[in-house]
């Protein structure tokens, strides 16, 4: 009899939904395999008192590891067999003992403007205040609407929506479409509190690397778990994940680096768009942008082409 498969997850509403998605797929492919869920609080979950871009500095955690460190500790100790991640939160360079062995099918990648005003980005009044914890979203919004005032916001999706509905000083917030869909928000009609949801075109506001992808981190030495994960992996989403993470790795980019990238596959060809904003001291300069395409069977090579086009 096979031993139970223990999956590790954060405890936020979205993370738990993503764990349930994983369990459902595992149950379809391995109906006789027992799956146990272990909820683990991470540094990023605990430190909601400081901006997300500052958590790593305050806690001495590897940048972009604020939502993964404790899961990796449990993984290394053998307390869990795989960690379920939002791949946009995972550092591009892992410890030698870990690997990303697979992913679920990617959800829509767009960012969504949730506003007290109808009309999307253009419907915001002059000088409107928009809250987001993402430096990438902040810089892209200022690129599109230099008049906006950007402020930080922390908390899970329901908390952020409640803050927007209740705080008069906020006009809008930015969230990922993938998370809203997974939490069963209907974006085709006004949300509770008289809020309007407008997805932004992914070419206009480039998403974060691997946005909308749920992935699985395992121990490299665990051949049996790797085979399980590979059995539930969505192939084209894995190609996109590899390409976008490689682009980020080449840039040596982290949580506080404003980078947008998207990829898509047509007839075996991988297409990529990248947009890189300068750091704060050069914030007034326009971003560097590039496009690349190549064999979907060599995603890292296409990412290298995209990177080379920027520099």
C-alpha atoms as a PDB file:
ATOM      1  CA  UNK A   1       0.000   0.000   0.000  1.00  0.00           C
ATOM      2  CA  UNK A   2       1.345   3.413  -1.006  1.00  0.00           C
ATOM      3  CA  UNK A   3       1.994   5.908   1.759  1.00  0.00           C
ATOM      4  CA  UNK A   4      -0.174   9.040   1.842  1.00  0.00           C
ATOM      5  CA  UNK A   5       0.972  12.011  -0.222  1.00  0.00           C
ATOM      6  CA  UNK A   6       1.399  15.070   1.996  1.00  0.00           C
ATOM      7  CA  UNK A   7       1.000  18.425   0.273  1.00  0.00           C
ATOM      8  CA  UNK A   8       2.037  21.697   1.890  1.00  0.00           C
ATOM      9  CA  UNK A   9       0.212  24.957   1.338  1.00  0.00           C
ATOM     10  CA  UNK A  10      -0.163  28.429   2.759  1.00  0.00           C
ATOM     11  CA  UNK A  11      -3.343  29.144   4.669  1.00  0.00           C
ATOM     12  CA  UNK A  12      -4.851  32.043   2.720  1.00  0.00           C
ATOM     13  CA  UNK A  13      -8.239  31.562   1.064  1.00  0.00           C
ATOM     14  CA  UNK A  14      -6.635  31.525  -2.380  1.00  0.00           C
ATOM     15  CA  UNK A  15      -3.863  29.138  -1.350  1.00  0.00           C
ATOM     16  CA  UNK A  16      -6.417  26.722   0.088  1.00  0.00           C
ATOM     17  CA  UNK A  17      -8.442  26.823  -3.126  1.00  0.00           C
ATOM     18  CA  UNK A  18      -5.279  26.040  -5.074  1.00  0.00           C
ATOM     19  CA  UNK A  19      -4.572  23.134  -2.726  1.00  0.00           C
ATOM     20  CA  UNK A  20      -8.114  21.867  -3.346  1.00  0.00           C
ATOM     21  CA  UNK A  21      -7.533  22.129  -7.103  1.00  0.00           C
ATOM     22  CA  UNK A  22      -4.390  20.050  -6.706  1.00  0.00           C
ATOM     23  CA  UNK A  23      -6.181  17.459  -4.607  1.00  0.00           C
ATOM     24  CA  UNK A  24      -8.973  17.209  -7.181  1.00  0.00           C
ATOM     25  CA  UNK A  25      -6.557  16.558 -10.045  1.00  0.00           C
ATOM     26  CA  UNK A  26      -4.635  14.025  -7.972  1.00  0.00           C
ATOM     27  CA  UNK A  27      -7.897  12.239  -7.129  1.00  0.00           C
ATOM     28  CA  UNK A  28      -8.744  11.959 -10.827  1.00  0.00           C
ATOM     29  CA  UNK A  29      -5.387  10.455 -11.778  1.00  0.00           C
ATOM     30  CA  UNK A  30      -4.697   8.517  -8.562  1.00  0.00           C
ATOM     31  CA  UNK A  31      -8.138   7.711  -7.093  1.00  0.00           C
ATOM     32  CA  UNK A  32      -6.730   5.238  -4.570  1.00  0.00           C
ATOM     33  CA  UNK A  33      -3.967   7.515  -3.271  1.00  0.00           C
ATOM     34  CA  UNK A  34      -4.599   9.206   0.071  1.00  0.00           C
ATOM     35  CA  UNK A  35      -3.695  12.898   0.073  1.00  0.00           C
ATOM     36  CA  UNK A  36      -3.093  14.823   3.301  1.00  0.00           C
ATOM     37  CA  UNK A  37      -2.996  18.610   3.413  1.00  0.00           C
ATOM     38  CA  UNK A  38      -0.628  20.443   5.772  1.00  0.00           C
ATOM     39  CA  UNK A  39      -1.194  24.195   6.173  1.00  0.00           C
ATOM     40  CA  UNK A  40       1.942  26.224   6.887  1.00  0.00           C
ATOM     41  CA  UNK A  41       2.141  29.943   7.686  1.00  0.00           C
ATOM     42  CA  UNK A  42       4.889  31.765   5.809  1.00  0.00           C
ATOM     43  CA  UNK A  43       6.814  34.944   6.545  1.00  0.00           C
ATOM     44  CA  UNK A  44       4.767  36.843   3.968  1.00  0.00           C
ATOM     45  CA  UNK A  45       1.527  35.739   5.616  1.00  0.00           C
ATOM     46  CA  UNK A  46       2.767  36.781   9.048  1.00  0.00           C
ATOM     47  CA  UNK A  47       4.321  40.165   8.211  1.00  0.00           C
ATOM     48  CA  UNK A  48       1.359  42.111   6.875  1.00  0.00           C
ATOM     49  CA  UNK A  49       2.519  45.170   8.819  1.00  0.00           C
ATOM     50  CA  UNK A  50       5.130  46.215   6.227  1.00  0.00           C
ATOM     51  CA  UNK A  51       5.011  46.620   2.425  1.00  0.00           C
ATOM     52  CA  UNK A  52       5.519  43.342   0.578  1.00  0.00           C
ATOM     53  CA  UNK A  53       8.629  44.685  -1.145  1.00  0.00           C
ATOM     54  CA  UNK A  54      10.186  45.330   2.299  1.00  0.00           C
ATOM     55  CA  UNK A  55       9.370  42.004   3.993  1.00  0.00           C
ATOM     56  CA  UNK A  56      12.499  40.242   2.715  1.00  0.00           C
ATOM     57  CA  UNK A  57      14.741  43.023   4.021  1.00  0.00           C
ATOM     58  CA  UNK A  58      13.034  43.157   7.411  1.00  0.00           C
ATOM     59  CA  UNK A  59      13.054  39.382   7.904  1.00  0.00           C
ATOM     60  CA  UNK A  60      16.368  38.567   6.241  1.00  0.00           C
ATOM     61  CA  UNK A  61      14.648  36.216   3.793  1.00  0.00           C
ATOM     62  CA  UNK A  62      15.732  35.597   0.201  1.00  0.00           C
ATOM     63  CA  UNK A  63      13.852  38.076  -1.976  1.00  0.00           C
ATOM     64  CA  UNK A  64      10.714  36.461  -3.394  1.00  0.00           C
ATOM     65  CA  UNK A  65      11.048  33.704  -0.796  1.00  0.00           C
ATOM     66  CA  UNK A  66       8.728  35.351   1.711  1.00  0.00           C
ATOM     67  CA  UNK A  67       5.847  33.068   0.705  1.00  0.00           C
ATOM     68  CA  UNK A  68       7.932  29.904   0.250  1.00  0.00           C
ATOM     69  CA  UNK A  69      10.679  29.648   2.892  1.00  0.00           C
ATOM     70  CA  UNK A  70       8.688  27.821   5.571  1.00  0.00           C
ATOM     71  CA  UNK A  71       7.220  25.440   3.000  1.00  0.00           C
ATOM     72  CA  UNK A  72      10.739  24.590   1.843  1.00  0.00           C
ATOM     73  CA  UNK A  73      11.849  23.973   5.428  1.00  0.00           C
ATOM     74  CA  UNK A  74       9.013  21.457   5.805  1.00  0.00           C
ATOM     75  CA  UNK A  75       9.837  19.927   2.421  1.00  0.00           C
ATOM     76  CA  UNK A  76      13.502  19.456   3.293  1.00  0.00           C
ATOM     77  CA  UNK A  77      12.587  17.943   6.658  1.00  0.00           C
ATOM     78  CA  UNK A  78      10.303  15.410   4.985  1.00  0.00           C
ATOM     79  CA  UNK A  79       7.200  16.796   6.701  1.00  0.00           C
ATOM     80  CA  UNK A  80       5.566  17.318   3.295  1.00  0.00           C
ATOM     81  CA  UNK A  81       6.115  15.626  -0.073  1.00  0.00           C
ATOM     82  CA  UNK A  82       5.388  18.607  -2.273  1.00  0.00           C
ATOM     83  CA  UNK A  83       4.727  22.314  -1.823  1.00  0.00           C
ATOM     84  CA  UNK A  84       1.876  23.946  -3.727  1.00  0.00           C
ATOM     85  CA  UNK A  85       2.853  27.441  -4.838  1.00  0.00           C
ATOM     86  CA  UNK A  86       1.575  30.410  -6.780  1.00  0.00           C
ATOM     87  CA  UNK A  87       4.538  30.323  -9.135  1.00  0.00           C
ATOM     88  CA  UNK A  88       4.862  34.105  -9.295  1.00  0.00           C
ATOM     89  CA  UNK A  89       5.907  33.950  -5.610  1.00  0.00           C
ATOM     90  CA  UNK A  90       8.694  31.393  -6.093  1.00  0.00           C
ATOM     91  CA  UNK A  91      12.359  32.496  -6.343  1.00  0.00           C
ATOM     92  CA  UNK A  92      13.877  31.751  -9.737  1.00  0.00           C
ATOM     93  CA  UNK A  93      16.908  30.105  -8.133  1.00  0.00           C
ATOM     94  CA  UNK A  94      16.111  27.240  -5.768  1.00  0.00           C
ATOM     95  CA  UNK A  95      18.347  25.360  -3.365  1.00  0.00           C
ATOM     96  CA  UNK A  96      20.090  22.444  -5.068  1.00  0.00           C
ATOM     97  CA  UNK A  97      17.908  19.929  -3.253  1.00  0.00           C
ATOM     98  CA  UNK A  98      14.634  21.294  -4.713  1.00  0.00           C
ATOM     99  CA  UNK A  99      13.013  21.534  -8.139  1.00  0.00           C
ATOM    100  CA  UNK A 100       9.770  22.661  -9.748  1.00  0.00           C
ATOM    101  CA  UNK A 101       8.504  19.333 -11.061  1.00  0.00           C
ATOM    102  CA  UNK A 102       5.211  20.388 -12.622  1.00  0.00           C
ATOM    103  CA  UNK A 103       2.289  22.799 -12.849  1.00  0.00           C
ATOM    104  CA  UNK A 104      -1.472  22.857 -13.314  1.00  0.00           C
ATOM    105  CA  UNK A 105      -3.113  24.441 -16.353  1.00  0.00           C
ATOM    106  CA  UNK A 106      -2.575  28.183 -16.341  1.00  0.00           C
ATOM    107  CA  UNK A 107      -5.447  30.517 -15.498  1.00  0.00           C
ATOM    108  CA  UNK A 108      -5.985  33.882 -17.261  1.00  0.00           C
ATOM    109  CA  UNK A 109      -2.942  36.113 -16.766  1.00  0.00           C
ATOM    110  CA  UNK A 110      -4.477  39.579 -16.801  1.00  0.00           C
ATOM    111  CA  UNK A 111      -4.391  42.128 -14.007  1.00  0.00           C
ATOM    112  CA  UNK A 112      -7.775  43.495 -12.965  1.00  0.00           C
ATOM    113  CA  UNK A 113      -8.542  47.040 -11.862  1.00  0.00           C
ATOM    114  CA  UNK A 114     -11.186  46.965  -9.125  1.00  0.00           C
ATOM    115  CA  UNK A 115     -12.579  50.470  -8.872  1.00  0.00           C
ATOM    116  CA  UNK A 116     -15.200  52.573  -7.145  1.00  0.00           C
ATOM    117  CA  UNK A 117     -15.700  54.191 -10.560  1.00  0.00           C
ATOM    118  CA  UNK A 118     -17.058  52.604 -13.732  1.00  0.00           C
ATOM    119  CA  UNK A 119     -14.995  52.839 -16.917  1.00  0.00           C
ATOM    120  CA  UNK A 120     -11.790  51.033 -16.033  1.00  0.00           C
ATOM    121  CA  UNK A 121      -8.451  52.817 -16.057  1.00  0.00           C
ATOM    122  CA  UNK A 122      -9.766  55.764 -18.046  1.00  0.00           C
ATOM    123  CA  UNK A 123     -12.733  56.078 -15.701  1.00  0.00           C
ATOM    124  CA  UNK A 124     -10.500  56.941 -12.752  1.00  0.00           C
ATOM    125  CA  UNK A 125     -10.591  60.651 -11.881  1.00  0.00           C
ATOM    126  CA  UNK A 126      -7.474  62.802 -12.179  1.00  0.00           C
ATOM    127  CA  UNK A 127      -5.093  62.057  -9.316  1.00  0.00           C
ATOM    128  CA  UNK A 128      -6.998  58.976  -8.178  1.00  0.00           C
ATOM    129  CA  UNK A 129      -5.456  56.783  -5.474  1.00  0.00           C
ATOM    130  CA  UNK A 130      -4.814  53.157  -6.444  1.00  0.00           C
ATOM    131  CA  UNK A 131      -3.567  50.559  -3.950  1.00  0.00           C
ATOM    132  CA  UNK A 132      -1.369  47.592  -4.846  1.00  0.00           C
ATOM    133  CA  UNK A 133       1.479  45.768  -3.113  1.00  0.00           C
ATOM    134  CA  UNK A 134       3.151  44.981  -6.452  1.00  0.00           C
ATOM    135  CA  UNK A 135       5.934  47.312  -7.598  1.00  0.00           C
ATOM    136  CA  UNK A 136       5.396  45.980 -11.129  1.00  0.00           C
ATOM    137  CA  UNK A 137       1.747  47.036 -11.087  1.00  0.00           C
ATOM    138  CA  UNK A 138       2.600  50.398  -9.552  1.00  0.00           C
ATOM    139  CA  UNK A 139       5.119  51.231 -12.267  1.00  0.00           C
ATOM    140  CA  UNK A 140       2.917  50.038 -15.117  1.00  0.00           C
ATOM    141  CA  UNK A 141      -0.017  52.059 -13.840  1.00  0.00           C
ATOM    142  CA  UNK A 142       2.147  55.180 -13.632  1.00  0.00           C
ATOM    143  CA  UNK A 143       3.425  54.430 -17.141  1.00  0.00           C
ATOM    144  CA  UNK A 144      -0.181  54.415 -18.385  1.00  0.00           C
ATOM    145  CA  UNK A 145      -1.538  57.139 -16.047  1.00  0.00           C
ATOM    146  CA  UNK A 146       1.244  59.356 -14.612  1.00  0.00           C
ATOM    147  CA  UNK A 147      -1.318  61.376 -12.632  1.00  0.00           C
ATOM    148  CA  UNK A 148      -2.288  58.491 -10.373  1.00  0.00           C
ATOM    149  CA  UNK A 149      -1.256  58.238  -6.731  1.00  0.00           C
ATOM    150  CA  UNK A 150      -0.042  54.722  -5.851  1.00  0.00           C
ATOM    151  CA  UNK A 151      -0.120  53.377  -2.294  1.00  0.00           C
ATOM    152  CA  UNK A 152       0.669  50.007  -0.720  1.00  0.00           C
ATOM    153  CA  UNK A 153      -1.946  47.532   0.458  1.00  0.00           C
ATOM    154  CA  UNK A 154      -1.613  44.144   2.210  1.00  0.00           C
ATOM    155  CA  UNK A 155      -4.014  41.330   3.019  1.00  0.00           C
ATOM    156  CA  UNK A 156      -5.802  38.565   1.152  1.00  0.00           C
ATOM    157  CA  UNK A 157      -8.263  39.198  -1.674  1.00  0.00           C
ATOM    158  CA  UNK A 158     -11.423  39.584   0.467  1.00  0.00           C
ATOM    159  CA  UNK A 159      -9.555  41.888   2.858  1.00  0.00           C
ATOM    160  CA  UNK A 160      -8.356  44.138   0.044  1.00  0.00           C
ATOM    161  CA  UNK A 161     -11.823  44.334  -1.487  1.00  0.00           C
ATOM    162  CA  UNK A 162     -13.278  45.251   1.897  1.00  0.00           C
ATOM    163  CA  UNK A 163     -10.664  47.979   2.383  1.00  0.00           C
ATOM    164  CA  UNK A 164     -11.531  49.456  -1.013  1.00  0.00           C
ATOM    165  CA  UNK A 165     -15.259  49.441  -0.284  1.00  0.00           C
ATOM    166  CA  UNK A 166     -14.843  50.963   3.187  1.00  0.00           C
ATOM    167  CA  UNK A 167     -11.962  53.439   2.842  1.00  0.00           C
ATOM    168  CA  UNK A 168     -12.986  56.702   1.202  1.00  0.00           C
ATOM    169  CA  UNK A 169      -9.387  57.625   0.365  1.00  0.00           C
ATOM    170  CA  UNK A 170      -9.036  54.678  -2.048  1.00  0.00           C
ATOM    171  CA  UNK A 171     -10.361  54.815  -5.605  1.00  0.00           C
ATOM    172  CA  UNK A 172      -9.171  51.424  -6.862  1.00  0.00           C
ATOM    173  CA  UNK A 173      -6.985  48.387  -6.256  1.00  0.00           C
ATOM    174  CA  UNK A 174      -5.213  45.981  -8.608  1.00  0.00           C
ATOM    175  CA  UNK A 175      -5.546  42.196  -8.350  1.00  0.00           C
ATOM    176  CA  UNK A 176      -4.778  39.171 -10.510  1.00  0.00           C
ATOM    177  CA  UNK A 177      -7.657  37.831 -12.584  1.00  0.00           C
ATOM    178  CA  UNK A 178      -6.568  34.262 -11.813  1.00  0.00           C
ATOM    179  CA  UNK A 179      -7.063  34.689  -8.082  1.00  0.00           C
ATOM    180  CA  UNK A 180     -10.434  36.374  -8.470  1.00  0.00           C
ATOM    181  CA  UNK A 181     -11.689  33.594 -10.738  1.00  0.00           C
ATOM    182  CA  UNK A 182     -10.437  30.869  -8.402  1.00  0.00           C
ATOM    183  CA  UNK A 183     -12.264  32.558  -5.529  1.00  0.00           C
ATOM    184  CA  UNK A 184     -15.467  32.568  -7.633  1.00  0.00           C
ATOM    185  CA  UNK A 185     -15.811  36.310  -8.148  1.00  0.00           C
ATOM    186  CA  UNK A 186     -18.012  37.140 -11.148  1.00  0.00           C
ATOM    187  CA  UNK A 187     -16.166  39.908 -12.991  1.00  0.00           C
ATOM    188  CA  UNK A 188     -18.973  40.419 -15.515  1.00  0.00           C
ATOM    189  CA  UNK A 189     -21.060  42.394 -13.031  1.00  0.00           C
ATOM    190  CA  UNK A 190     -20.416  44.880 -10.206  1.00  0.00           C
ATOM    191  CA  UNK A 191     -18.933  43.331  -7.063  1.00  0.00           C
ATOM    192  CA  UNK A 192     -20.313  43.772  -3.549  1.00  0.00           C
ATOM    193  CA  UNK A 193     -19.862  47.299  -2.264  1.00  0.00           C
ATOM    194  CA  UNK A 194     -20.531  48.898  -5.653  1.00  0.00           C
ATOM    195  CA  UNK A 195     -17.121  47.982  -7.068  1.00  0.00           C
ATOM    196  CA  UNK A 196     -16.378  47.626 -10.782  1.00  0.00           C
ATOM    197  CA  UNK A 197     -13.942  45.045 -12.152  1.00  0.00           C
ATOM    198  CA  UNK A 198     -12.091  45.760 -15.399  1.00  0.00           C
ATOM    199  CA  UNK A 199      -9.475  43.295 -16.699  1.00  0.00           C
ATOM    200  CA  UNK A 200      -6.573  45.115 -18.367  1.00  0.00           C
ATOM    201  CA  UNK A 201      -5.233  43.813 -21.656  1.00  0.00           C
ATOM    202  CA  UNK A 202      -2.166  41.649 -20.978  1.00  0.00           C
ATOM    203  CA  UNK A 203      -0.255  43.500 -23.679  1.00  0.00           C
ATOM    204  CA  UNK A 204      -1.055  46.832 -22.035  1.00  0.00           C
ATOM    205  CA  UNK A 205      -0.212  45.732 -18.494  1.00  0.00           C
ATOM    206  CA  UNK A 206       2.208  42.811 -18.726  1.00  0.00           C
ATOM    207  CA  UNK A 207       1.691  40.215 -15.978  1.00  0.00           C
ATOM    208  CA  UNK A 208       4.255  38.936 -13.526  1.00  0.00           C
ATOM    209  CA  UNK A 209       6.342  35.947 -14.554  1.00  0.00           C
ATOM    210  CA  UNK A 210       4.250  32.774 -14.123  1.00  0.00           C
ATOM    211  CA  UNK A 211       1.185  34.737 -13.010  1.00  0.00           C
ATOM    212  CA  UNK A 212      -1.835  32.430 -12.926  1.00  0.00           C
ATOM    213  CA  UNK A 213       0.247  29.247 -12.619  1.00  0.00           C
ATOM    214  CA  UNK A 214       0.010  26.842  -9.684  1.00  0.00           C
ATOM    215  CA  UNK A 215       3.207  24.815  -9.408  1.00  0.00           C
ATOM    216  CA  UNK A 216       4.726  22.024  -7.362  1.00  0.00           C
ATOM    217  CA  UNK A 217       8.090  22.100  -5.637  1.00  0.00           C
ATOM    218  CA  UNK A 218       9.572  18.749  -4.608  1.00  0.00           C
ATOM    219  CA  UNK A 219      12.810  17.263  -3.354  1.00  0.00           C
ATOM    220  CA  UNK A 220      15.045  16.434  -6.322  1.00  0.00           C
ATOM    221  CA  UNK A 221      15.825  13.073  -4.795  1.00  0.00           C
ATOM    222  CA  UNK A 222      12.160  12.037  -4.589  1.00  0.00           C
ATOM    223  CA  UNK A 223      11.687  10.104  -7.829  1.00  0.00           C
ATOM    224  CA  UNK A 224       8.289   8.708  -6.840  1.00  0.00           C
ATOM    225  CA  UNK A 225       6.757  12.116  -6.108  1.00  0.00           C
ATOM    226  CA  UNK A 226       8.276  13.527  -9.295  1.00  0.00           C
ATOM    227  CA  UNK A 227       6.464  10.847 -11.302  1.00  0.00           C
ATOM    228  CA  UNK A 228       3.200  11.701  -9.556  1.00  0.00           C
ATOM    229  CA  UNK A 229       3.595  15.416 -10.259  1.00  0.00           C
ATOM    230  CA  UNK A 230       4.594  14.879 -13.881  1.00  0.00           C
ATOM    231  CA  UNK A 231       1.423  12.819 -14.351  1.00  0.00           C
ATOM    232  CA  UNK A 232      -0.773  15.829 -13.521  1.00  0.00           C
ATOM    233  CA  UNK A 233       1.331  18.509 -15.229  1.00  0.00           C
ATOM    234  CA  UNK A 234      -0.121  20.698 -17.998  1.00  0.00           C
ATOM    235  CA  UNK A 235       2.586  20.636 -20.662  1.00  0.00           C
ATOM    236  CA  UNK A 236       2.167  24.023 -22.367  1.00  0.00           C
ATOM    237  CA  UNK A 237       1.755  25.816 -19.027  1.00  0.00           C
ATOM    238  CA  UNK A 238       5.028  24.231 -17.897  1.00  0.00           C
ATOM    239  CA  UNK A 239       6.734  25.571 -21.037  1.00  0.00           C
ATOM    240  CA  UNK A 240       5.460  29.076 -20.284  1.00  0.00           C
ATOM    241  CA  UNK A 241       6.513  28.772 -16.651  1.00  0.00           C
ATOM    242  CA  UNK A 242      10.039  27.709 -17.584  1.00  0.00           C
ATOM    243  CA  UNK A 243      10.417  30.497 -20.145  1.00  0.00           C
ATOM    244  CA  UNK A 244       9.158  33.316 -17.941  1.00  0.00           C
ATOM    245  CA  UNK A 245      11.113  32.177 -14.893  1.00  0.00           C
ATOM    246  CA  UNK A 246      14.281  31.966 -16.965  1.00  0.00           C
ATOM    247  CA  UNK A 247      13.760  35.535 -18.200  1.00  0.00           C
ATOM    248  CA  UNK A 248      13.386  36.670 -14.599  1.00  0.00           C
ATOM    249  CA  UNK A 249      16.470  34.699 -13.559  1.00  0.00           C
ATOM    250  CA  UNK A 250      18.585  36.303 -16.289  1.00  0.00           C
ATOM    251  CA  UNK A 251      17.461  39.717 -15.069  1.00  0.00           C
ATOM    252  CA  UNK A 252      18.284  38.709 -11.477  1.00  0.00           C
ATOM    253  CA  UNK A 253      14.876  40.147 -10.645  1.00  0.00           C
ATOM    254  CA  UNK A 254      13.032  39.858  -7.352  1.00  0.00           C
ATOM    255  CA  UNK A 255       9.962  41.185  -5.552  1.00  0.00           C
ATOM    256  CA  UNK A 256      11.051  44.810  -5.752  1.00  0.00           C
ATOM    257  CA  UNK A 257      12.048  44.660  -9.437  1.00  0.00           C
ATOM    258  CA  UNK A 258       9.309  45.963 -11.758  1.00  0.00           C
ATOM    259  CA  UNK A 259       9.262  43.380 -14.569  1.00  0.00           C
ATOM    260  CA  UNK A 260       6.369  42.264 -16.748  1.00  0.00           C
ATOM    261  CA  UNK A 261       6.515  39.270 -19.092  1.00  0.00           C
ATOM    262  CA  UNK A 262       4.014  37.151 -20.959  1.00  0.00           C
ATOM    263  CA  UNK A 263       4.250  34.148 -23.255  1.00  0.00           C
ATOM    264  CA  UNK A 264       1.974  32.155 -25.510  1.00  0.00           C
ATOM    265  CA  UNK A 265       2.339  29.216 -27.880  1.00  0.00           C
ATOM    266  CA  UNK A 266       1.041  29.052 -31.461  1.00  0.00           C
ATOM    267  CA  UNK A 267       1.700  26.007 -33.655  1.00  0.00           C
ATOM    268  CA  UNK A 268       4.756  24.964 -31.694  1.00  0.00           C
ATOM    269  CA  UNK A 269       6.239  28.465 -31.578  1.00  0.00           C
ATOM    270  CA  UNK A 270       6.735  30.177 -28.228  1.00  0.00           C
ATOM    271  CA  UNK A 271       6.171  33.947 -28.292  1.00  0.00           C
ATOM    272  CA  UNK A 272       7.358  36.249 -25.494  1.00  0.00           C
ATOM    273  CA  UNK A 273       6.945  39.933 -24.610  1.00  0.00           C
ATOM    274  CA  UNK A 274       8.993  41.592 -21.881  1.00  0.00           C
ATOM    275  CA  UNK A 275       8.881  44.986 -20.187  1.00  0.00           C
ATOM    276  CA  UNK A 276      11.490  46.044 -17.637  1.00  0.00           C
ATOM    277  CA  UNK A 277      11.253  49.277 -15.679  1.00  0.00           C
ATOM    278  CA  UNK A 278      14.299  50.962 -14.209  1.00  0.00           C
ATOM    279  CA  UNK A 279      14.897  51.082 -10.462  1.00  0.00           C
ATOM    280  CA  UNK A 280      13.701  54.018  -8.364  1.00  0.00           C
ATOM    281  CA  UNK A 281      16.621  56.326  -9.144  1.00  0.00           C
ATOM    282  CA  UNK A 282      15.685  56.170 -12.847  1.00  0.00           C
ATOM    283  CA  UNK A 283      11.934  55.886 -12.394  1.00  0.00           C
ATOM    284  CA  UNK A 284      11.251  58.732 -14.808  1.00  0.00           C
ATOM    285  CA  UNK A 285      12.772  56.819 -17.738  1.00  0.00           C
ATOM    286  CA  UNK A 286      10.535  54.751 -20.054  1.00  0.00           C
ATOM    287  CA  UNK A 287      10.769  50.966 -19.665  1.00  0.00           C
ATOM    288  CA  UNK A 288      12.851  48.709 -21.862  1.00  0.00           C
ATOM    289  CA  UNK A 289      10.683  46.455 -24.023  1.00  0.00           C
ATOM    290  CA  UNK A 290      11.415  43.484 -26.265  1.00  0.00           C
ATOM    291  CA  UNK A 291       9.815  40.573 -28.083  1.00  0.00           C
ATOM    292  CA  UNK A 292      11.145  37.142 -29.018  1.00  0.00           C
ATOM    293  CA  UNK A 293       9.923  33.890 -30.478  1.00  0.00           C
ATOM    294  CA  UNK A 294      11.302  30.416 -31.041  1.00  0.00           C
ATOM    295  CA  UNK A 295      10.839  26.698 -30.591  1.00  0.00           C
ATOM    296  CA  UNK A 296       8.456  25.905 -27.725  1.00  0.00           C
ATOM    297  CA  UNK A 297      10.647  22.893 -27.054  1.00  0.00           C
ATOM    298  CA  UNK A 298      13.459  25.209 -25.945  1.00  0.00           C
ATOM    299  CA  UNK A 299      11.783  27.762 -23.643  1.00  0.00           C
ATOM    300  CA  UNK A 300      14.981  28.828 -21.878  1.00  0.00           C
ATOM    301  CA  UNK A 301      16.561  29.629 -25.233  1.00  0.00           C
ATOM    302  CA  UNK A 302      13.640  31.858 -26.214  1.00  0.00           C
ATOM    303  CA  UNK A 303      13.894  33.581 -22.832  1.00  0.00           C
ATOM    304  CA  UNK A 304      17.588  34.198 -23.485  1.00  0.00           C
ATOM    305  CA  UNK A 305      16.707  35.789 -26.819  1.00  0.00           C
ATOM    306  CA  UNK A 306      14.201  38.055 -25.082  1.00  0.00           C
ATOM    307  CA  UNK A 307      16.781  39.035 -22.482  1.00  0.00           C
ATOM    308  CA  UNK A 308      19.420  39.734 -25.138  1.00  0.00           C
ATOM    309  CA  UNK A 309      16.989  42.018 -26.959  1.00  0.00           C
ATOM    310  CA  UNK A 310      16.702  44.168 -23.828  1.00  0.00           C
ATOM    311  CA  UNK A 311      20.423  44.662 -23.211  1.00  0.00           C
END
